[in-house]
C-alpha atoms as a PDB file:
ATOM      1  CA  MET A   1      -0.755 -25.990   1.986  1.00  0.00           C
ATOM      2  CA  HIS A   2       0.518 -24.132  -1.042  1.00  0.00           C
ATOM      3  CA  THR A   3       3.858 -25.303  -2.387  1.00  0.00           C
ATOM      4  CA  TRP A   4       5.379 -21.833  -2.012  1.00  0.00           C
ATOM      5  CA  ASN A   5       4.171 -21.578   1.577  1.00  0.00           C
ATOM      6  CA  ASN A   6       6.661 -23.937   3.211  1.00  0.00           C
ATOM      7  CA  ARG A   7       9.939 -23.359   4.990  1.00  0.00           C
ATOM      8  CA  ASN A   8      12.251 -24.347   2.106  1.00  0.00           C
ATOM      9  CA  SER A   9      10.446 -22.150  -0.414  1.00  0.00           C
ATOM     10  CA  LYS A  10      10.506 -19.173   1.951  1.00  0.00           C
ATOM     11  CA  ILE A  11      14.225 -19.625   2.563  1.00  0.00           C
ATOM     12  CA  ALA A  12      14.938 -19.910  -1.183  1.00  0.00           C
ATOM     13  CA  ILE A  13      12.859 -16.825  -2.062  1.00  0.00           C
ATOM     14  CA  SER A  14      14.471 -14.888   0.801  1.00  0.00           C
ATOM     15  CA  LEU A  15      17.981 -15.810  -0.338  1.00  0.00           C
ATOM     16  CA  ILE A  16      17.227 -14.869  -3.932  1.00  0.00           C
ATOM     17  CA  SER A  17      15.763 -11.549  -2.757  1.00  0.00           C
ATOM     18  CA  PHE A  18      18.783 -10.760  -0.587  1.00  0.00           C
ATOM     19  CA  ILE A  19      21.156 -11.647  -3.435  1.00  0.00           C
ATOM     20  CA  ILE A  20      19.256  -9.337  -5.790  1.00  0.00           C
ATOM     21  CA  LEU A  21      19.333  -6.512  -3.247  1.00  0.00           C
ATOM     22  CA  PHE A  22      23.056  -7.052  -2.618  1.00  0.00           C
ATOM     23  CA  MET A  23      23.901  -7.094  -6.328  1.00  0.00           C
ATOM     24  CA  MET A  24      21.842  -3.969  -7.050  1.00  0.00           C
ATOM     25  CA  ARG A  25      23.035  -1.922  -4.057  1.00  0.00           C
ATOM     26  CA  GLN A  26      25.208   0.346  -6.219  1.00  0.00           C
ATOM     27  CA  GLU A  27      22.500   1.078  -8.792  1.00  0.00           C
ATOM     28  CA  TYR A  28      21.095   4.587  -8.934  1.00  0.00           C
ATOM     29  CA  GLY A  29      17.499   4.559  -7.803  1.00  0.00           C
ATOM     30  CA  ALA A  30      15.634   1.371  -7.075  1.00  0.00           C
ATOM     31  CA  PRO A  31      15.200  -0.797 -10.139  1.00  0.00           C
ATOM     32  CA  ILE A  32      11.931  -2.694 -10.350  1.00  0.00           C
ATOM     33  CA  ILE A  33      13.689  -5.943  -9.476  1.00  0.00           C
ATOM     34  CA  CYS A  34      14.723  -4.466  -6.099  1.00  0.00           C
ATOM     35  CA  ARG A  35      11.171  -3.406  -5.383  1.00  0.00           C
ATOM     36  CA  LEU A  36       9.968  -6.917  -6.187  1.00  0.00           C
ATOM     37  CA  ALA A  37      12.638  -8.388  -3.899  1.00  0.00           C
ATOM     38  CA  ILE A  38      11.575  -6.134  -1.015  1.00  0.00           C
ATOM     39  CA  THR A  39       7.938  -7.015  -1.658  1.00  0.00           C
ATOM     40  CA  ALA A  40       8.750 -10.740  -1.576  1.00  0.00           C
ATOM     41  CA  LEU A  41      10.658 -10.355   1.684  1.00  0.00           C
ATOM     42  CA  THR A  42       7.818  -8.378   3.251  1.00  0.00           C
ATOM     43  CA  ILE A  43       5.256 -11.017   2.305  1.00  0.00           C
ATOM     44  CA  ILE A  44       7.455 -13.843   3.575  1.00  0.00           C
ATOM     45  CA  ILE A  45       7.970 -12.109   6.911  1.00  0.00           C
ATOM     46  CA  GLY A  46       4.255 -11.373   7.157  1.00  0.00           C
ATOM     47  CA  VAL A  47       3.150 -14.973   6.659  1.00  0.00           C
ATOM     48  CA  SER A  48       5.936 -16.639   8.642  1.00  0.00           C
ATOM     49  CA  PHE A  49       4.794 -15.874  12.156  1.00  0.00           C
ATOM     50  CA  ARG A  50       1.711 -16.862  14.121  1.00  0.00           C
ATOM     51  CA  ASP A  51      -0.163 -14.502  16.379  1.00  0.00           C
ATOM     52  CA  LEU A  52       0.258 -16.478  19.595  1.00  0.00           C
ATOM     53  CA  ILE A  53      -0.009 -13.565  22.016  1.00  0.00           C
ATOM     54  CA  LEU A  54      -2.956 -11.460  20.867  1.00  0.00           C
ATOM     55  CA  LYS A  55      -4.793 -14.109  18.818  1.00  0.00           C
ATOM     56  CA  GLY A  56      -6.528 -11.461  16.709  1.00  0.00           C
ATOM     57  CA  LYS A  57      -8.053  -9.625  19.684  1.00  0.00           C
ATOM     58  CA  PHE A  58      -6.326  -6.374  18.777  1.00  0.00           C
ATOM     59  CA  ASP A  59      -6.296  -6.664  15.005  1.00  0.00           C
ATOM     60  CA  ILE A  60      -6.290  -3.119  13.632  1.00  0.00           C
ATOM     61  CA  SER A  61      -5.333  -4.073  10.081  1.00  0.00           C
ATOM     62  CA  TYR A  62      -8.766  -3.275   8.640  1.00  0.00           C
ATOM     63  CA  GLY A  63      -8.772   0.137  10.335  1.00  0.00           C
ATOM     64  CA  MET A  64      -5.260   0.804   9.027  1.00  0.00           C
ATOM     65  CA  TYR A  65      -6.457  -0.097   5.535  1.00  0.00           C
ATOM     66  CA  ILE A  66      -9.568   2.076   5.752  1.00  0.00           C
ATOM     67  CA  TRP A  67      -8.029   5.137   7.428  1.00  0.00           C
ATOM     68  CA  ALA A  68      -4.529   5.326   5.905  1.00  0.00           C
ATOM     69  CA  PHE A  69      -5.432   7.092   2.680  1.00  0.00           C
ATOM     70  CA  PRO A  70      -7.868   9.686   4.098  1.00  0.00           C
ATOM     71  CA  VAL A  71      -5.490  10.594   6.937  1.00  0.00           C
ATOM     72  CA  GLN A  72      -2.563  10.811   4.511  1.00  0.00           C
ATOM     73  CA  ALA A  73      -4.501  12.947   2.046  1.00  0.00           C
ATOM     74  CA  ILE A  74      -5.680  15.374   4.716  1.00  0.00           C
ATOM     75  CA  CYS A  75      -2.288  15.688   6.415  1.00  0.00           C
ATOM     76  CA  ILE A  76      -0.344  16.178   3.196  1.00  0.00           C
ATOM     77  CA  ASN A  77      -2.783  18.464   1.374  1.00  0.00           C
ATOM     78  CA  VAL A  78      -4.026  20.563   4.283  1.00  0.00           C
ATOM     79  CA  PHE A  79      -0.983  20.833   6.527  1.00  0.00           C
ATOM     80  CA  HIS A  80       1.770  20.665   3.850  1.00  0.00           C
ATOM     81  CA  LEU A  81       4.095  18.615   6.066  1.00  0.00           C
ATOM     82  CA  ARG A  82       7.674  17.734   5.244  1.00  0.00           C
ATOM     83  CA  PHE A  83       8.208  14.146   4.145  1.00  0.00           C
ATOM     84  CA  TYR A  84       9.562  12.530   7.332  1.00  0.00           C
ATOM     85  CA  ASN A  85       7.392  14.636   9.633  1.00  0.00           C
ATOM     86  CA  GLY A  86       4.416  13.635   7.514  1.00  0.00           C
ATOM     87  CA  ILE A  87       5.274   9.948   7.772  1.00  0.00           C
ATOM     88  CA  VAL A  88       5.457  10.088  11.570  1.00  0.00           C
ATOM     89  CA  ILE A  89       2.269  12.115  11.964  1.00  0.00           C
ATOM     90  CA  VAL A  90       0.269  10.126   9.388  1.00  0.00           C
ATOM     91  CA  PHE A  91       1.414   6.811  10.861  1.00  0.00           C
ATOM     92  CA  THR A  92       0.531   7.905  14.406  1.00  0.00           C
ATOM     93  CA  LEU A  93      -2.876   9.325  13.442  1.00  0.00           C
ATOM     94  CA  THR A  94      -3.693   6.264  11.337  1.00  0.00           C
ATOM     95  CA  ILE A  95      -2.908   3.912  14.225  1.00  0.00           C
ATOM     96  CA  LEU A  96      -5.050   6.007  16.584  1.00  0.00           C
ATOM     97  CA  MET A  97      -7.943   6.052  14.104  1.00  0.00           C
ATOM     98  CA  ALA A  98      -7.612   2.300  13.549  1.00  0.00           C
ATOM     99  CA  ILE A  99      -7.715   1.628  17.294  1.00  0.00           C
ATOM    100  CA  PHE A 100     -10.777   3.871  17.653  1.00  0.00           C
ATOM    101  CA  SER A 101     -12.437   2.169  14.698  1.00  0.00           C
ATOM    102  CA  ARG A 102     -11.728  -1.303  16.102  1.00  0.00           C
ATOM    103  CA  LYS A 103     -13.087  -0.487  19.555  1.00  0.00           C
ATOM    104  CA  TYR A 104     -16.145   1.587  18.706  1.00  0.00           C
ATOM    105  CA  ILE A 105     -17.204   0.378  15.249  1.00  0.00           C
ATOM    106  CA  GLU A 106     -15.875  -3.087  14.440  1.00  0.00           C
ATOM    107  CA  GLN A 107     -16.202  -4.797  17.823  1.00  0.00           C
ATOM    108  CA  PRO A 108     -19.846  -3.784  18.439  1.00  0.00           C
ATOM    109  CA  PHE A 109     -20.770  -5.115  14.985  1.00  0.00           C
ATOM    110  CA  MET A 110     -18.827  -8.348  15.546  1.00  0.00           C
ATOM    111  CA  LYS A 111     -20.610  -8.800  18.870  1.00  0.00           C
ATOM    112  CA  LYS A 112     -24.010  -8.317  17.187  1.00  0.00           C
ATOM    113  CA  LYS A 113     -23.025 -10.751  14.446  1.00  0.00           C
ATOM    114  CA  SER A 114     -22.102 -13.330  17.070  1.00  0.00           C
ATOM    115  CA  GLN A 115     -25.376 -12.785  18.907  1.00  0.00           C
ATOM    116  CA  ALA A 116     -27.364 -13.108  15.666  1.00  0.00           C
ATOM    117  CA  GLY A 117     -25.525 -16.344  14.847  1.00  0.00           C
ATOM    118  CA  ASN A 118     -26.305 -17.759  18.285  1.00  0.00           C
ATOM    119  CA  LEU A 119     -29.975 -16.814  17.895  1.00  0.00           C
ATOM    120  CA  ALA A 120     -30.125 -18.444  14.444  1.00  0.00           C
ATOM    121  CA  ARG A 121     -28.612 -21.673  15.801  1.00  0.00           C
ATOM    122  CA  LYS A 122     -31.061 -21.663  18.702  1.00  0.00           C
ATOM    123  CA  ILE A 123     -34.016 -21.248  16.340  1.00  0.00           C
ATOM    124  CA  GLN A 124     -32.762 -24.061  14.086  1.00  0.00           C
ATOM    125  CA  THR A 125     -32.479 -26.507  16.974  1.00  0.00           C
ATOM    126  CA  GLU A 126     -36.051 -25.851  18.158  1.00  0.00           C
END
């Protein structure tokens, strides 16, 4: 386990980040240090919890990664949406595209990969 990836390190980094955000709350704009603090907090939250319920069966992160930019580019450049309306619409469409991608593209390929692996193991044992 990495030394930064333990409970005490996460608590220390979180406290430092919150202190930075608290001290900079009156600053105009968001200084780079605040952006780094928010990034650190986001990463800590992201790696602090286990997926005990879904266990990766509904992981749409790859689809979100793949579809976010094209959906955003089309919605913003073609439909000229206002900022907050655009966020809601882009987020919703990206989630829908990611779910579609997971179900109809990723899962069939993962199933074939699993079948190919089973066949390879069977051939090796013969």
